[in-house]
Amino acid sequence: MLSFQDFFTTCTGLWTTERTYHSTLRGEVERSYTEFRVAPLTAAEKQSILSSQSIASFQALPLDTVKLTDNETVCPGFAIAFDTRSETGEQVSMSLKALFVPDHYLTTTQPIETPPLPIAAQVTTPLGETIQGFYLRDEGYSEAGAIAGRFSYQPTRQTLEMTTYYRRSVAVDQMRIIAPDLRLRTIVTYQRPEANEPPTVIDLVGFGVERKQAI
């Protein structure tokens, strides 16, 4: 069983993946190949992300930045650069940084107002086992600019799940490590509904097997 910190340590390195995407509304299927290069965040990179989160999709979060910046190990994260090539020949390259902040680093005991989760992101595990919080990115996948989302980590399943609310869509991205060099990836994208309604219309479903490469 991987601890929260150990999960991110395992994720570093070079990963390759073959994915299949199903467009549920159009009835189309597309495949792609991606290479991910993943490195841990430096203290300076974490501070930069914390500084930019005020323009994220949620309200400015009441974070204990002193604790977050004084101890480099309290909140894990990674810098990701990837190159994707679809079966039609389309190529996309991107890099981003993401910081994962458990809820107990918030400086308020009042609940933070967040949009309702879609059913694919709802977690029911024994109390105290799942780690939940916010993850902050300096760039979004679907839309440019800093953005925040919710995450959950289940140690017994070695599964990280990230939910991001964009302006027009809601993405649920799950990453499960089943061996030190092998992980499963699923992405479910919903159409974003009106405010305060849970997403229900699924637009895209993606599946992938990701393998860590020796460097």
C-alpha atoms as a PDB file:
ATOM      1  CA  MET A   1       0.000   0.000   0.000  1.00  0.00           C
ATOM      2  CA  LEU A   2       1.449   3.353  -1.063  1.00  0.00           C
ATOM      3  CA  SER A   3       1.245   6.331   1.264  1.00  0.00           C
ATOM      4  CA  PHE A   4       0.182   9.693  -0.156  1.00  0.00           C
ATOM      5  CA  GLN A   5       3.804  10.798  -0.537  1.00  0.00           C
ATOM      6  CA  ASP A   6       4.956   7.424  -1.893  1.00  0.00           C
ATOM      7  CA  PHE A   7       2.306   7.542  -4.619  1.00  0.00           C
ATOM      8  CA  PHE A   8       3.832  10.702  -6.068  1.00  0.00           C
ATOM      9  CA  THR A   9       7.355   9.321  -5.756  1.00  0.00           C
ATOM     10  CA  THR A  10       6.270   6.281  -7.774  1.00  0.00           C
ATOM     11  CA  CYS A  11       4.726   8.561 -10.416  1.00  0.00           C
ATOM     12  CA  THR A  12       8.015  10.293 -11.247  1.00  0.00           C
ATOM     13  CA  GLY A  13       9.903   9.261 -14.362  1.00  0.00           C
ATOM     14  CA  LEU A  14       8.987   8.555 -17.973  1.00  0.00           C
ATOM     15  CA  TRP A  15       5.619   6.922 -18.698  1.00  0.00           C
ATOM     16  CA  THR A  16       4.059   5.842 -21.978  1.00  0.00           C
ATOM     17  CA  THR A  17       0.391   5.157 -22.583  1.00  0.00           C
ATOM     18  CA  GLU A  18      -1.961   3.889 -25.249  1.00  0.00           C
ATOM     19  CA  ARG A  19      -5.430   5.382 -24.789  1.00  0.00           C
ATOM     20  CA  THR A  20      -8.821   4.819 -26.330  1.00  0.00           C
ATOM     21  CA  TYR A  21     -11.386   7.629 -26.249  1.00  0.00           C
ATOM     22  CA  HIS A  22     -15.100   7.046 -26.731  1.00  0.00           C
ATOM     23  CA  SER A  23     -17.240  10.024 -27.713  1.00  0.00           C
ATOM     24  CA  THR A  24     -20.547   8.902 -26.201  1.00  0.00           C
ATOM     25  CA  LEU A  25     -22.655  11.601 -27.859  1.00  0.00           C
ATOM     26  CA  ARG A  26     -21.200  11.266 -31.378  1.00  0.00           C
ATOM     27  CA  GLY A  27     -20.550   7.516 -31.285  1.00  0.00           C
ATOM     28  CA  GLU A  28     -16.900   7.937 -32.326  1.00  0.00           C
ATOM     29  CA  VAL A  29     -13.764   6.126 -31.107  1.00  0.00           C
ATOM     30  CA  GLU A  30     -10.220   7.489 -31.282  1.00  0.00           C
ATOM     31  CA  ARG A  31      -6.871   6.126 -30.102  1.00  0.00           C
ATOM     32  CA  SER A  32      -3.725   7.979 -29.098  1.00  0.00           C
ATOM     33  CA  TYR A  33      -0.165   7.442 -27.846  1.00  0.00           C
ATOM     34  CA  THR A  34       1.361   9.673 -25.148  1.00  0.00           C
ATOM     35  CA  GLU A  35       4.724  10.044 -23.437  1.00  0.00           C
ATOM     36  CA  PHE A  36       4.728  11.660 -19.972  1.00  0.00           C
ATOM     37  CA  ARG A  37       7.844  13.024 -18.262  1.00  0.00           C
ATOM     38  CA  VAL A  38       7.134  13.571 -14.571  1.00  0.00           C
ATOM     39  CA  ALA A  39       9.365  15.278 -11.959  1.00  0.00           C
ATOM     40  CA  PRO A  40       8.707  16.328  -8.336  1.00  0.00           C
ATOM     41  CA  LEU A  41       7.991  19.993  -7.635  1.00  0.00           C
ATOM     42  CA  THR A  42      10.666  22.221  -6.139  1.00  0.00           C
ATOM     43  CA  ALA A  43       9.878  24.576  -3.232  1.00  0.00           C
ATOM     44  CA  ALA A  44       9.991  27.536  -5.646  1.00  0.00           C
ATOM     45  CA  GLU A  45       7.509  25.850  -7.998  1.00  0.00           C
ATOM     46  CA  LYS A  46       5.121  25.141  -5.121  1.00  0.00           C
ATOM     47  CA  GLN A  47       5.288  28.781  -4.027  1.00  0.00           C
ATOM     48  CA  SER A  48       4.566  29.925  -7.581  1.00  0.00           C
ATOM     49  CA  ILE A  49       1.456  27.724  -7.770  1.00  0.00           C
ATOM     50  CA  LEU A  50       0.224  28.968  -4.381  1.00  0.00           C
ATOM     51  CA  SER A  51       0.638  32.541  -5.608  1.00  0.00           C
ATOM     52  CA  SER A  52      -1.419  31.911  -8.743  1.00  0.00           C
ATOM     53  CA  GLN A  53      -4.334  30.037  -7.135  1.00  0.00           C
ATOM     54  CA  SER A  54      -6.240  33.292  -6.487  1.00  0.00           C
ATOM     55  CA  ILE A  55      -7.348  33.249 -10.134  1.00  0.00           C
ATOM     56  CA  ALA A  56      -8.368  29.584 -10.030  1.00  0.00           C
ATOM     57  CA  SER A  57     -11.844  28.225 -10.685  1.00  0.00           C
ATOM     58  CA  PHE A  58     -12.764  28.162  -7.004  1.00  0.00           C
ATOM     59  CA  GLN A  59     -12.630  31.141  -4.684  1.00  0.00           C
ATOM     60  CA  ALA A  60      -9.237  32.019  -3.220  1.00  0.00           C
ATOM     61  CA  LEU A  61      -8.559  29.197  -0.785  1.00  0.00           C
ATOM     62  CA  PRO A  62      -7.724  29.955   2.873  1.00  0.00           C
ATOM     63  CA  LEU A  63      -4.449  28.017   2.958  1.00  0.00           C
ATOM     64  CA  ASP A  64      -1.834  27.927   5.694  1.00  0.00           C
ATOM     65  CA  THR A  65       0.951  29.003   3.349  1.00  0.00           C
ATOM     66  CA  VAL A  66       3.515  29.139   6.176  1.00  0.00           C
ATOM     67  CA  LYS A  67       3.195  25.393   6.790  1.00  0.00           C
ATOM     68  CA  LEU A  68       3.066  24.682   3.067  1.00  0.00           C
ATOM     69  CA  THR A  69       6.242  26.576   2.209  1.00  0.00           C
ATOM     70  CA  ASP A  70       8.298  25.760   5.329  1.00  0.00           C
ATOM     71  CA  ASN A  71       8.110  21.997   4.812  1.00  0.00           C
ATOM     72  CA  GLU A  72       8.727  20.752   1.279  1.00  0.00           C
ATOM     73  CA  THR A  73       7.225  17.330   2.020  1.00  0.00           C
ATOM     74  CA  VAL A  74       3.806  18.289   3.401  1.00  0.00           C
ATOM     75  CA  CYS A  75       2.077  18.684   0.037  1.00  0.00           C
ATOM     76  CA  PRO A  76       3.217  16.565  -2.913  1.00  0.00           C
ATOM     77  CA  GLY A  77       2.954  17.507  -6.528  1.00  0.00           C
ATOM     78  CA  PHE A  78       4.571  17.079  -9.881  1.00  0.00           C
ATOM     79  CA  ALA A  79       5.698  18.843 -13.002  1.00  0.00           C
ATOM     80  CA  ILE A  80       4.449  17.099 -16.138  1.00  0.00           C
ATOM     81  CA  ALA A  81       5.490  17.462 -19.761  1.00  0.00           C
ATOM     82  CA  PHE A  82       3.766  15.299 -22.336  1.00  0.00           C
ATOM     83  CA  ASP A  83       3.556  14.679 -26.057  1.00  0.00           C
ATOM     84  CA  THR A  84       0.462  13.062 -27.572  1.00  0.00           C
ATOM     85  CA  ARG A  85      -0.023  11.707 -31.079  1.00  0.00           C
ATOM     86  CA  SER A  86      -3.483  10.612 -32.216  1.00  0.00           C
ATOM     87  CA  GLU A  87      -4.154   7.903 -34.782  1.00  0.00           C
ATOM     88  CA  THR A  88      -5.165  10.651 -37.234  1.00  0.00           C
ATOM     89  CA  GLY A  89      -1.695  12.210 -36.945  1.00  0.00           C
ATOM     90  CA  GLU A  90      -2.636  15.163 -34.734  1.00  0.00           C
ATOM     91  CA  GLN A  91       0.128  16.046 -32.233  1.00  0.00           C
ATOM     92  CA  VAL A  92      -0.211  17.978 -28.973  1.00  0.00           C
ATOM     93  CA  SER A  93       2.562  18.937 -26.534  1.00  0.00           C
ATOM     94  CA  MET A  94       2.007  20.563 -23.144  1.00  0.00           C
ATOM     95  CA  SER A  95       3.604  21.082 -19.740  1.00  0.00           C
ATOM     96  CA  LEU A  96       2.025  21.937 -16.411  1.00  0.00           C
ATOM     97  CA  LYS A  97       2.603  21.818 -12.669  1.00  0.00           C
ATOM     98  CA  ALA A  98       0.136  20.542 -10.046  1.00  0.00           C
ATOM     99  CA  LEU A  99       0.174  20.840  -6.256  1.00  0.00           C
ATOM    100  CA  PHE A 100      -2.030  18.662  -4.004  1.00  0.00           C
ATOM    101  CA  VAL A 101      -3.187  20.277  -0.747  1.00  0.00           C
ATOM    102  CA  PRO A 102      -5.113  18.119   1.774  1.00  0.00           C
ATOM    103  CA  ASP A 103      -8.076  19.787   3.448  1.00  0.00           C
ATOM    104  CA  HIS A 104      -6.367  19.932   6.848  1.00  0.00           C
ATOM    105  CA  TYR A 105      -4.083  22.686   5.535  1.00  0.00           C
ATOM    106  CA  LEU A 106      -7.033  25.041   5.179  1.00  0.00           C
ATOM    107  CA  THR A 107      -7.067  27.787   7.794  1.00  0.00           C
ATOM    108  CA  THR A 108     -10.834  27.642   8.256  1.00  0.00           C
ATOM    109  CA  THR A 109     -13.092  24.977   9.712  1.00  0.00           C
ATOM    110  CA  GLN A 110     -16.003  26.204   7.599  1.00  0.00           C
ATOM    111  CA  PRO A 111     -16.812  24.116   4.496  1.00  0.00           C
ATOM    112  CA  ILE A 112     -15.501  25.573   1.245  1.00  0.00           C
ATOM    113  CA  GLU A 113     -18.266  25.966  -1.296  1.00  0.00           C
ATOM    114  CA  THR A 114     -17.515  23.747  -4.289  1.00  0.00           C
ATOM    115  CA  PRO A 115     -19.699  22.516  -7.160  1.00  0.00           C
ATOM    116  CA  PRO A 116     -21.455  19.163  -6.618  1.00  0.00           C
ATOM    117  CA  LEU A 117     -19.429  16.132  -7.693  1.00  0.00           C
ATOM    118  CA  PRO A 118     -20.543  13.893 -10.562  1.00  0.00           C
ATOM    119  CA  ILE A 119     -21.321  10.292  -9.636  1.00  0.00           C
ATOM    120  CA  ALA A 120     -18.004   9.077 -11.139  1.00  0.00           C
ATOM    121  CA  ALA A 121     -16.085  11.143  -8.555  1.00  0.00           C
ATOM    122  CA  GLN A 122     -18.058  10.247  -5.438  1.00  0.00           C
ATOM    123  CA  VAL A 123     -16.044   8.229  -2.908  1.00  0.00           C
ATOM    124  CA  THR A 124     -17.452   5.997  -0.160  1.00  0.00           C
ATOM    125  CA  THR A 125     -14.617   4.500   1.906  1.00  0.00           C
ATOM    126  CA  PRO A 126     -14.104   4.046   5.664  1.00  0.00           C
ATOM    127  CA  LEU A 127     -13.882   7.353   7.520  1.00  0.00           C
ATOM    128  CA  GLY A 128     -10.293   8.544   7.870  1.00  0.00           C
ATOM    129  CA  GLU A 129      -8.854   6.344   5.119  1.00  0.00           C
ATOM    130  CA  THR A 130      -9.336   8.622   2.125  1.00  0.00           C
ATOM    131  CA  ILE A 131      -7.283  11.817   1.829  1.00  0.00           C
ATOM    132  CA  GLN A 132      -9.232  14.635   0.208  1.00  0.00           C
ATOM    133  CA  GLY A 133      -8.318  18.167  -0.705  1.00  0.00           C
ATOM    134  CA  PHE A 134      -7.704  20.698  -3.447  1.00  0.00           C
ATOM    135  CA  TYR A 135      -5.237  20.425  -6.269  1.00  0.00           C
ATOM    136  CA  LEU A 136      -3.895  23.562  -7.889  1.00  0.00           C
ATOM    137  CA  ARG A 137      -2.505  23.733 -11.420  1.00  0.00           C
ATOM    138  CA  ASP A 138      -0.715  26.515 -13.221  1.00  0.00           C
ATOM    139  CA  GLU A 139      -2.416  25.409 -16.445  1.00  0.00           C
ATOM    140  CA  GLY A 140      -5.603  23.534 -17.280  1.00  0.00           C
ATOM    141  CA  TYR A 141      -5.899  20.841 -19.936  1.00  0.00           C
ATOM    142  CA  SER A 142      -9.033  22.120 -21.665  1.00  0.00           C
ATOM    143  CA  GLU A 143      -8.665  25.830 -20.864  1.00  0.00           C
ATOM    144  CA  ALA A 144      -5.633  28.053 -20.397  1.00  0.00           C
ATOM    145  CA  GLY A 145      -4.694  29.615 -17.072  1.00  0.00           C
ATOM    146  CA  ALA A 146      -4.394  28.568 -13.433  1.00  0.00           C
ATOM    147  CA  ILE A 147      -7.181  26.347 -12.188  1.00  0.00           C
ATOM    148  CA  ALA A 148      -8.159  24.462  -9.029  1.00  0.00           C
ATOM    149  CA  GLY A 149      -9.971  21.169  -8.557  1.00  0.00           C
ATOM    150  CA  ARG A 150     -10.819  18.563  -5.952  1.00  0.00           C
ATOM    151  CA  PHE A 151      -8.872  15.351  -5.400  1.00  0.00           C
ATOM    152  CA  SER A 152      -9.180  12.174  -3.358  1.00  0.00           C
ATOM    153  CA  TYR A 153      -6.526   9.547  -2.653  1.00  0.00           C
ATOM    154  CA  GLN A 154      -7.371   6.019  -1.493  1.00  0.00           C
ATOM    155  CA  PRO A 155      -4.231   4.345  -0.074  1.00  0.00           C
ATOM    156  CA  THR A 156      -5.617   0.791  -0.069  1.00  0.00           C
ATOM    157  CA  ARG A 157      -6.463   1.077  -3.784  1.00  0.00           C
ATOM    158  CA  GLN A 158      -3.425   3.261  -4.589  1.00  0.00           C
ATOM    159  CA  THR A 159      -5.796   5.461  -6.545  1.00  0.00           C
ATOM    160  CA  LEU A 160      -5.681   9.216  -7.112  1.00  0.00           C
ATOM    161  CA  GLU A 161      -8.791  10.871  -8.522  1.00  0.00           C
ATOM    162  CA  MET A 162      -8.960  14.477  -9.725  1.00  0.00           C
ATOM    163  CA  THR A 163     -12.111  16.424 -10.570  1.00  0.00           C
ATOM    164  CA  THR A 164     -11.780  19.666 -12.520  1.00  0.00           C
ATOM    165  CA  TYR A 165     -14.569  22.121 -13.288  1.00  0.00           C
ATOM    166  CA  TYR A 166     -13.911  24.013 -16.500  1.00  0.00           C
ATOM    167  CA  ARG A 167     -16.270  26.642 -17.895  1.00  0.00           C
ATOM    168  CA  ARG A 168     -17.959  24.226 -20.289  1.00  0.00           C
ATOM    169  CA  SER A 169     -17.078  20.770 -18.956  1.00  0.00           C
ATOM    170  CA  VAL A 170     -16.252  18.716 -15.870  1.00  0.00           C
ATOM    171  CA  ALA A 171     -13.395  16.183 -16.036  1.00  0.00           C
ATOM    172  CA  VAL A 172     -12.868  13.240 -13.665  1.00  0.00           C
ATOM    173  CA  ASP A 173      -9.369  11.789 -14.091  1.00  0.00           C
ATOM    174  CA  GLN A 174      -8.431   8.622 -12.175  1.00  0.00           C
ATOM    175  CA  MET A 175      -4.938   7.162 -11.846  1.00  0.00           C
ATOM    176  CA  ARG A 176      -4.467   3.756 -10.162  1.00  0.00           C
ATOM    177  CA  ILE A 177      -1.062   2.148  -9.619  1.00  0.00           C
ATOM    178  CA  ILE A 178      -1.314  -1.642  -9.826  1.00  0.00           C
ATOM    179  CA  ALA A 179       2.455  -2.321  -9.981  1.00  0.00           C
ATOM    180  CA  PRO A 180       5.525  -0.111  -9.538  1.00  0.00           C
ATOM    181  CA  ASP A 181       5.788   0.267 -13.318  1.00  0.00           C
ATOM    182  CA  LEU A 182       2.133  -0.066 -14.333  1.00  0.00           C
ATOM    183  CA  ARG A 183      -0.930   2.068 -13.775  1.00  0.00           C
ATOM    184  CA  LEU A 184      -4.476   2.321 -15.082  1.00  0.00           C
ATOM    185  CA  ARG A 185      -5.957   5.607 -16.270  1.00  0.00           C
ATOM    186  CA  THR A 186      -9.565   6.589 -16.873  1.00  0.00           C
ATOM    187  CA  ILE A 187     -10.989   9.960 -17.876  1.00  0.00           C
ATOM    188  CA  VAL A 188     -14.697  10.786 -17.810  1.00  0.00           C
ATOM    189  CA  THR A 189     -15.751  14.180 -19.190  1.00  0.00           C
ATOM    190  CA  TYR A 190     -19.201  15.629 -18.539  1.00  0.00           C
ATOM    191  CA  GLN A 191     -20.984  18.623 -19.967  1.00  0.00           C
ATOM    192  CA  ARG A 192     -21.023  21.292 -17.277  1.00  0.00           C
ATOM    193  CA  PRO A 193     -24.592  21.885 -16.061  1.00  0.00           C
ATOM    194  CA  GLU A 194     -26.182  24.966 -14.572  1.00  0.00           C
ATOM    195  CA  ALA A 195     -24.790  26.157 -11.239  1.00  0.00           C
ATOM    196  CA  ASN A 196     -25.224  23.875  -8.206  1.00  0.00           C
ATOM    197  CA  GLU A 197     -26.375  20.883 -10.252  1.00  0.00           C
ATOM    198  CA  PRO A 198     -24.335  17.669 -10.432  1.00  0.00           C
ATOM    199  CA  PRO A 199     -23.044  16.804 -13.930  1.00  0.00           C
ATOM    200  CA  THR A 200     -24.941  13.937 -15.562  1.00  0.00           C
ATOM    201  CA  VAL A 201     -24.370  14.171 -19.346  1.00  0.00           C
ATOM    202  CA  ILE A 202     -21.191  12.246 -20.259  1.00  0.00           C
ATOM    203  CA  ASP A 203     -19.479  13.521 -23.394  1.00  0.00           C
ATOM    204  CA  LEU A 204     -16.220  11.517 -23.447  1.00  0.00           C
ATOM    205  CA  VAL A 205     -14.766   8.406 -21.774  1.00  0.00           C
ATOM    206  CA  GLY A 206     -11.097   7.497 -22.059  1.00  0.00           C
ATOM    207  CA  PHE A 207      -9.156   4.387 -20.970  1.00  0.00           C
ATOM    208  CA  GLY A 208      -5.423   3.784 -20.873  1.00  0.00           C
ATOM    209  CA  VAL A 209      -2.688   1.465 -19.626  1.00  0.00           C
ATOM    210  CA  GLU A 210       0.445   3.396 -18.662  1.00  0.00           C
ATOM    211  CA  ARG A 211       3.903   1.843 -18.328  1.00  0.00           C
ATOM    212  CA  LYS A 212       6.937   3.318 -16.603  1.00  0.00           C
ATOM    213  CA  GLN A 213      10.041   3.204 -18.766  1.00  0.00           C
ATOM    214  CA  ALA A 214      13.610   2.579 -17.650  1.00  0.00           C
ATOM    215  CA  ILE A 215      15.791   5.658 -18.150  1.00  0.00           C
END
